[in-house]
Amino acid sequence: MDKKHFAFTRDNYRLMLIGLAIIILGFTLTALDSEPHGFGFLGLTLGPILTLGGFLFQFYAIFYTKKTDA
């Protein structure tokens, strides 16, 4: 029998879900800014930085491989 190999492991999917949560949190913080048109600290600084960090974390989650001792 030939085993099917998946592109991602359980760890990859877990990390991707964490990255997705970070992205959603970043967009939510951007939307919660009380200044008009989102020109406050949350809308211009914290939210976009958190969103970008979530996308960068997604790249890490995709390329993550578990290290094995040889």
PDB file of N, CA and C in Angstrom:
ATOM      1  N   MET A   1       0.839  -1.194   0.000  1.00  0.00           N
ATOM      2  CA  MET A   1       0.000   0.000   0.000  1.00  0.00           C
ATOM      3  C   MET A   1       0.872   1.242   0.000  1.00  0.00           C
ATOM      4  N   ASP A   2       0.471   2.197  -0.785  1.00  0.00           N
ATOM      5  CA  ASP A   2       1.194   3.460  -0.874  1.00  0.00           C
ATOM      6  C   ASP A   2       0.529   4.482   0.030  1.00  0.00           C
ATOM      7  N   LYS A   3       1.313   5.040   0.939  1.00  0.00           N
ATOM      8  CA  LYS A   3       0.768   6.057   1.843  1.00  0.00           C
ATOM      9  C   LYS A   3       0.633   7.372   1.105  1.00  0.00           C
ATOM     10  N   LYS A   4      -0.462   8.066   1.364  1.00  0.00           N
ATOM     11  CA  LYS A   4      -0.641   9.391   0.785  1.00  0.00           C
ATOM     12  C   LYS A   4       0.097  10.405   1.644  1.00  0.00           C
ATOM     13  N   HIS A   5       0.820  11.284   0.997  1.00  0.00           N
ATOM     14  CA  HIS A   5       1.553  12.320   1.702  1.00  0.00           C
ATOM     15  C   HIS A   5       0.886  13.656   1.440  1.00  0.00           C
ATOM     16  N   PHE A   6       0.585  14.350   2.511  1.00  0.00           N
ATOM     17  CA  PHE A   6      -0.031  15.657   2.411  1.00  0.00           C
ATOM     18  C   PHE A   6       1.052  16.722   2.413  1.00  0.00           C
ATOM     19  N   ALA A   7       0.720  17.863   1.826  1.00  0.00           N
ATOM     20  CA  ALA A   7       1.700  18.941   1.748  1.00  0.00           C
ATOM     21  C   ALA A   7       1.973  19.549   3.118  1.00  0.00           C
ATOM     22  N   PHE A   8       0.952  19.591   3.980  1.00  0.00           N
ATOM     23  CA  PHE A   8       1.087  20.221   5.290  1.00  0.00           C
ATOM     24  C   PHE A   8       0.812  19.211   6.388  1.00  0.00           C
ATOM     25  N   THR A   9       1.458  19.440   7.528  1.00  0.00           N
ATOM     26  CA  THR A   9       1.219  18.587   8.691  1.00  0.00           C
ATOM     27  C   THR A   9       0.229  19.279   9.618  1.00  0.00           C
ATOM     28  N   ARG A  10      -0.099  18.603  10.692  1.00  0.00           N
ATOM     29  CA  ARG A  10      -1.012  19.182  11.682  1.00  0.00           C
ATOM     30  C   ARG A  10      -0.433  20.452  12.286  1.00  0.00           C
ATOM     31  N   ASP A  11       0.887  20.473  12.476  1.00  0.00           N
ATOM     32  CA  ASP A  11       1.536  21.667  13.024  1.00  0.00           C
ATOM     33  C   ASP A  11       1.395  22.855  12.078  1.00  0.00           C
ATOM     34  N   ASN A  12       1.515  22.604  10.769  1.00  0.00           N
ATOM     35  CA  ASN A  12       1.348  23.684   9.801  1.00  0.00           C
ATOM     36  C   ASN A  12      -0.055  24.281   9.886  1.00  0.00           C
ATOM     37  N   TYR A  13      -1.054  23.431   9.948  1.00  0.00           N
ATOM     38  CA  TYR A  13      -2.437  23.927  10.018  1.00  0.00           C
ATOM     39  C   TYR A  13      -2.687  24.684  11.315  1.00  0.00           C
ATOM     40  N   ARG A  14      -2.113  24.213  12.405  1.00  0.00           N
ATOM     41  CA  ARG A  14      -2.274  24.905  13.683  1.00  0.00           C
ATOM     42  C   ARG A  14      -1.642  26.295  13.624  1.00  0.00           C
ATOM     43  N   LEU A  15      -0.450  26.389  13.052  1.00  0.00           N
ATOM     44  CA  LEU A  15       0.211  27.687  12.906  1.00  0.00           C
ATOM     45  C   LEU A  15      -0.560  28.606  11.956  1.00  0.00           C
ATOM     46  N   MET A  16      -1.152  28.028  10.909  1.00  0.00           N
ATOM     47  CA  MET A  16      -1.940  28.840   9.974  1.00  0.00           C
ATOM     48  C   MET A  16      -3.184  29.410  10.646  1.00  0.00           C
ATOM     49  N   LEU A  17      -3.797  28.639  11.520  1.00  0.00           N
ATOM     50  CA  LEU A  17      -4.961  29.153  12.254  1.00  0.00           C
ATOM     51  C   LEU A  17      -4.564  30.278  13.203  1.00  0.00           C
ATOM     52  N   ILE A  18      -3.398  30.161  13.819  1.00  0.00           N
ATOM     53  CA  ILE A  18      -2.914  31.237  14.681  1.00  0.00           C
ATOM     54  C   ILE A  18      -2.658  32.491  13.848  1.00  0.00           C
ATOM     55  N   GLY A  19      -2.043  32.328  12.682  1.00  0.00           N
ATOM     56  CA  GLY A  19      -1.808  33.467  11.798  1.00  0.00           C
ATOM     57  C   GLY A  19      -3.100  34.111  11.333  1.00  0.00           C
ATOM     58  N   LEU A  20      -4.101  33.305  11.036  1.00  0.00           N
ATOM     59  CA  LEU A  20      -5.394  33.843  10.632  1.00  0.00           C
ATOM     60  C   LEU A  20      -6.037  34.636  11.759  1.00  0.00           C
ATOM     61  N   ALA A  21      -5.896  34.147  12.987  1.00  0.00           N
ATOM     62  CA  ALA A  21      -6.435  34.874  14.145  1.00  0.00           C
ATOM     63  C   ALA A  21      -5.725  36.220  14.321  1.00  0.00           C
ATOM     64  N   ILE A  22      -4.420  36.254  14.081  1.00  0.00           N
ATOM     65  CA  ILE A  22      -3.672  37.512  14.181  1.00  0.00           C
ATOM     66  C   ILE A  22      -4.144  38.497  13.113  1.00  0.00           C
ATOM     67  N   ILE A  23      -4.370  38.010  11.897  1.00  0.00           N
ATOM     68  CA  ILE A  23      -4.849  38.879  10.818  1.00  0.00           C
ATOM     69  C   ILE A  23      -6.228  39.436  11.149  1.00  0.00           C
ATOM     70  N   ILE A  24      -7.123  38.595  11.632  1.00  0.00           N
ATOM     71  CA  ILE A  24      -8.468  39.050  11.996  1.00  0.00           C
ATOM     72  C   ILE A  24      -8.402  40.066  13.126  1.00  0.00           C
ATOM     73  N   LEU A  25      -7.520  39.839  14.096  1.00  0.00           N
ATOM     74  CA  LEU A  25      -7.355  40.795  15.189  1.00  0.00           C
ATOM     75  C   LEU A  25      -6.848  42.144  14.665  1.00  0.00           C
ATOM     76  N   GLY A  26      -5.928  42.112  13.719  1.00  0.00           N
ATOM     77  CA  GLY A  26      -5.418  43.350  13.141  1.00  0.00           C
ATOM     78  C   GLY A  26      -6.494  44.133  12.409  1.00  0.00           C
ATOM     79  N   PHE A  27      -7.302  43.447  11.610  1.00  0.00           N
ATOM     80  CA  PHE A  27      -8.390  44.126  10.901  1.00  0.00           C
ATOM     81  C   PHE A  27      -9.439  44.650  11.885  1.00  0.00           C
ATOM     82  N   THR A  28      -9.698  43.896  12.940  1.00  0.00           N
ATOM     83  CA  THR A  28     -10.670  44.335  13.940  1.00  0.00           C
ATOM     84  C   THR A  28     -10.181  45.581  14.667  1.00  0.00           C
ATOM     85  N   LEU A  29      -8.914  45.613  15.034  1.00  0.00           N
ATOM     86  CA  LEU A  29      -8.367  46.801  15.684  1.00  0.00           C
ATOM     87  C   LEU A  29      -8.413  48.013  14.758  1.00  0.00           C
ATOM     88  N   THR A  30      -8.170  47.791  13.477  1.00  0.00           N
ATOM     89  CA  THR A  30      -8.256  48.888  12.517  1.00  0.00           C
ATOM     90  C   THR A  30      -9.676  49.424  12.447  1.00  0.00           C
ATOM     91  N   ALA A  31     -10.651  48.535  12.468  1.00  0.00           N
ATOM     92  CA  ALA A  31     -12.049  48.958  12.364  1.00  0.00           C
ATOM     93  C   ALA A  31     -12.558  49.598  13.654  1.00  0.00           C
ATOM     94  N   LEU A  32     -11.951  49.286  14.788  1.00  0.00           N
ATOM     95  CA  LEU A  32     -12.417  49.815  16.070  1.00  0.00           C
ATOM     96  C   LEU A  32     -11.889  51.212  16.387  1.00  0.00           C
ATOM     97  N   ASP A  33     -11.097  51.784  15.513  1.00  0.00           N
ATOM     98  CA  ASP A  33     -10.528  53.102  15.764  1.00  0.00           C
ATOM     99  C   ASP A  33     -11.643  54.130  15.877  1.00  0.00           C
ATOM    100  N   SER A  34     -11.594  54.942  16.935  1.00  0.00           N
ATOM    101  CA  SER A  34     -12.677  55.902  17.196  1.00  0.00           C
ATOM    102  C   SER A  34     -12.498  57.221  16.449  1.00  0.00           C
ATOM    103  N   GLU A  35     -11.323  57.457  15.900  1.00  0.00           N
ATOM    104  CA  GLU A  35     -11.101  58.692  15.135  1.00  0.00           C
ATOM    105  C   GLU A  35     -11.864  58.631  13.807  1.00  0.00           C
ATOM    106  N   PRO A  36     -12.240  59.791  13.266  1.00  0.00           N
ATOM    107  CA  PRO A  36     -12.948  59.774  11.986  1.00  0.00           C
ATOM    108  C   PRO A  36     -12.068  59.202  10.866  1.00  0.00           C
ATOM    109  N   HIS A  37     -12.664  58.354  10.056  1.00  0.00           N
ATOM    110  CA  HIS A  37     -12.014  57.707   8.906  1.00  0.00           C
ATOM    111  C   HIS A  37     -10.823  56.841   9.313  1.00  0.00           C
ATOM    112  N   GLY A  38     -10.741  56.446  10.555  1.00  0.00           N
ATOM    113  CA  GLY A  38      -9.676  55.560  11.006  1.00  0.00           C
ATOM    114  C   GLY A  38      -8.309  56.194  11.066  1.00  0.00           C
ATOM    115  N   PHE A  39      -8.240  57.508  11.318  1.00  0.00           N
ATOM    116  CA  PHE A  39      -6.958  58.207  11.331  1.00  0.00           C
ATOM    117  C   PHE A  39      -6.307  58.265  12.709  1.00  0.00           C
ATOM    118  N   GLY A  40      -6.685  57.397  13.615  1.00  0.00           N
ATOM    119  CA  GLY A  40      -6.092  57.369  14.946  1.00  0.00           C
ATOM    120  C   GLY A  40      -4.970  56.347  15.023  1.00  0.00           C
ATOM    121  N   PHE A  41      -4.503  56.104  16.240  1.00  0.00           N
ATOM    122  CA  PHE A  41      -3.396  55.168  16.468  1.00  0.00           C
ATOM    123  C   PHE A  41      -3.764  53.749  16.046  1.00  0.00           C
ATOM    124  N   LEU A  42      -4.974  53.314  16.373  1.00  0.00           N
ATOM    125  CA  LEU A  42      -5.373  51.949  16.025  1.00  0.00           C
ATOM    126  C   LEU A  42      -5.491  51.759  14.517  1.00  0.00           C
ATOM    127  N   GLY A  43      -6.062  52.742  13.831  1.00  0.00           N
ATOM    128  CA  GLY A  43      -6.306  52.609  12.399  1.00  0.00           C
ATOM    129  C   GLY A  43      -5.083  52.787  11.528  1.00  0.00           C
ATOM    130  N   LEU A  44      -4.132  53.586  11.989  1.00  0.00           N
ATOM    131  CA  LEU A  44      -2.960  53.866  11.158  1.00  0.00           C
ATOM    132  C   LEU A  44      -1.692  53.142  11.587  1.00  0.00           C
ATOM    133  N   THR A  45      -1.617  52.708  12.834  1.00  0.00           N
ATOM    134  CA  THR A  45      -0.369  52.129  13.310  1.00  0.00           C
ATOM    135  C   THR A  45      -0.529  50.691  13.793  1.00  0.00           C
ATOM    136  N   LEU A  46      -1.273  50.502  14.860  1.00  0.00           N
ATOM    137  CA  LEU A  46      -1.317  49.189  15.500  1.00  0.00           C
ATOM    138  C   LEU A  46      -2.009  48.130  14.640  1.00  0.00           C
ATOM    139  N   GLY A  47      -3.164  48.467  14.078  1.00  0.00           N
ATOM    140  CA  GLY A  47      -3.899  47.501  13.263  1.00  0.00           C
ATOM    141  C   GLY A  47      -3.121  47.026  12.046  1.00  0.00           C
ATOM    142  N   PRO A  48      -2.588  47.947  11.224  1.00  0.00           N
ATOM    143  CA  PRO A  48      -1.819  47.497  10.052  1.00  0.00           C
ATOM    144  C   PRO A  48      -0.546  46.728  10.401  1.00  0.00           C
ATOM    145  N   ILE A  49       0.137  47.119  11.475  1.00  0.00           N
ATOM    146  CA  ILE A  49       1.341  46.383  11.872  1.00  0.00           C
ATOM    147  C   ILE A  49       0.979  44.967  12.298  1.00  0.00           C
ATOM    148  N   LEU A  50      -0.104  44.825  13.042  1.00  0.00           N
ATOM    149  CA  LEU A  50      -0.545  43.502  13.479  1.00  0.00           C
ATOM    150  C   LEU A  50      -1.001  42.659  12.282  1.00  0.00           C
ATOM    151  N   THR A  51      -1.683  43.278  11.340  1.00  0.00           N
ATOM    152  CA  THR A  51      -2.123  42.558  10.141  1.00  0.00           C
ATOM    153  C   THR A  51      -0.927  42.085   9.323  1.00  0.00           C
ATOM    154  N   LEU A  52       0.045  42.955   9.120  1.00  0.00           N
ATOM    155  CA  LEU A  52       1.252  42.574   8.386  1.00  0.00           C
ATOM    156  C   LEU A  52       1.988  41.451   9.112  1.00  0.00           C
ATOM    157  N   GLY A  53       2.063  41.556  10.433  1.00  0.00           N
ATOM    158  CA  GLY A  53       2.688  40.485  11.205  1.00  0.00           C
ATOM    159  C   GLY A  53       1.963  39.158  11.042  1.00  0.00           C
ATOM    160  N   GLY A  54       0.638  39.208  10.940  1.00  0.00           N
ATOM    161  CA  GLY A  54      -0.130  37.984  10.714  1.00  0.00           C
ATOM    162  C   GLY A  54       0.161  37.364   9.365  1.00  0.00           C
ATOM    163  N   PHE A  55       0.296  38.209   8.330  1.00  0.00           N
ATOM    164  CA  PHE A  55       0.629  37.681   7.007  1.00  0.00           C
ATOM    165  C   PHE A  55       2.041  37.101   6.979  1.00  0.00           C
ATOM    166  N   LEU A  56       2.982  37.744   7.642  1.00  0.00           N
ATOM    167  CA  LEU A  56       4.337  37.200   7.725  1.00  0.00           C
ATOM    168  C   LEU A  56       4.354  35.885   8.497  1.00  0.00           C
ATOM    169  N   PHE A  57       3.531  35.800   9.540  1.00  0.00           N
ATOM    170  CA  PHE A  57       3.414  34.557  10.301  1.00  0.00           C
ATOM    171  C   PHE A  57       2.826  33.448   9.431  1.00  0.00           C
ATOM    172  N   GLN A  58       1.932  33.800   8.506  1.00  0.00           N
ATOM    173  CA  GLN A  58       1.375  32.807   7.586  1.00  0.00           C
ATOM    174  C   GLN A  58       2.471  32.220   6.690  1.00  0.00           C
ATOM    175  N   PHE A  59       3.383  33.074   6.211  1.00  0.00           N
ATOM    176  CA  PHE A  59       4.502  32.557   5.418  1.00  0.00           C
ATOM    177  C   PHE A  59       5.341  31.591   6.237  1.00  0.00           C
ATOM    178  N   TYR A  60       5.589  31.939   7.488  1.00  0.00           N
ATOM    179  CA  TYR A  60       6.336  31.041   8.368  1.00  0.00           C
ATOM    180  C   TYR A  60       5.591  29.715   8.538  1.00  0.00           C
ATOM    181  N   ALA A  61       4.271  29.794   8.715  1.00  0.00           N
ATOM    182  CA  ALA A  61       3.476  28.580   8.924  1.00  0.00           C
ATOM    183  C   ALA A  61       3.495  27.677   7.696  1.00  0.00           C
ATOM    184  N   ILE A  62       3.511  28.266   6.509  1.00  0.00           N
ATOM    185  CA  ILE A  62       3.527  27.463   5.284  1.00  0.00           C
ATOM    186  C   ILE A  62       4.859  26.748   5.118  1.00  0.00           C
ATOM    187  N   PHE A  63       5.953  27.429   5.414  1.00  0.00           N
ATOM    188  CA  PHE A  63       7.271  26.858   5.189  1.00  0.00           C
ATOM    189  C   PHE A  63       7.828  26.098   6.390  1.00  0.00           C
ATOM    190  N   TYR A  64       7.068  26.003   7.467  1.00  0.00           N
ATOM    191  CA  TYR A  64       7.537  25.322   8.668  1.00  0.00           C
ATOM    192  C   TYR A  64       7.664  23.823   8.429  1.00  0.00           C
ATOM    193  N   THR A  65       8.818  23.290   8.810  1.00  0.00           N
ATOM    194  CA  THR A  65       9.025  21.838   8.804  1.00  0.00           C
ATOM    195  C   THR A  65       9.635  21.451  10.142  1.00  0.00           C
ATOM    196  N   LYS A  66       9.196  20.337  10.648  1.00  0.00           N
ATOM    197  CA  LYS A  66       9.696  19.865  11.941  1.00  0.00           C
ATOM    198  C   LYS A  66      11.108  19.325  11.745  1.00  0.00           C
ATOM    199  N   LYS A  67      11.999  19.737  12.608  1.00  0.00           N
ATOM    200  CA  LYS A  67      13.386  19.289  12.525  1.00  0.00           C
ATOM    201  C   LYS A  67      13.478  17.859  13.056  1.00  0.00           C
ATOM    202  N   THR A  68      14.159  17.012  12.322  1.00  0.00           N
ATOM    203  CA  THR A  68      14.366  15.630  12.754  1.00  0.00           C
ATOM    204  C   THR A  68      15.855  15.409  12.988  1.00  0.00           C
ATOM    205  N   ASP A  69      16.178  14.685  14.045  1.00  0.00           N
ATOM    206  CA  ASP A  69      17.576  14.368  14.335  1.00  0.00           C
ATOM    207  C   ASP A  69      17.999  13.197  13.468  1.00  0.00           C
ATOM    208  N   ALA A  70      19.084  13.397  12.735  1.00  0.00           N
ATOM    209  CA  ALA A  70      19.547  12.337  11.824  1.00  0.00           C
ATOM    210  C   ALA A  70      20.704  11.573  12.417  1.00  0.00           C
TER     211      ALA A  70
END
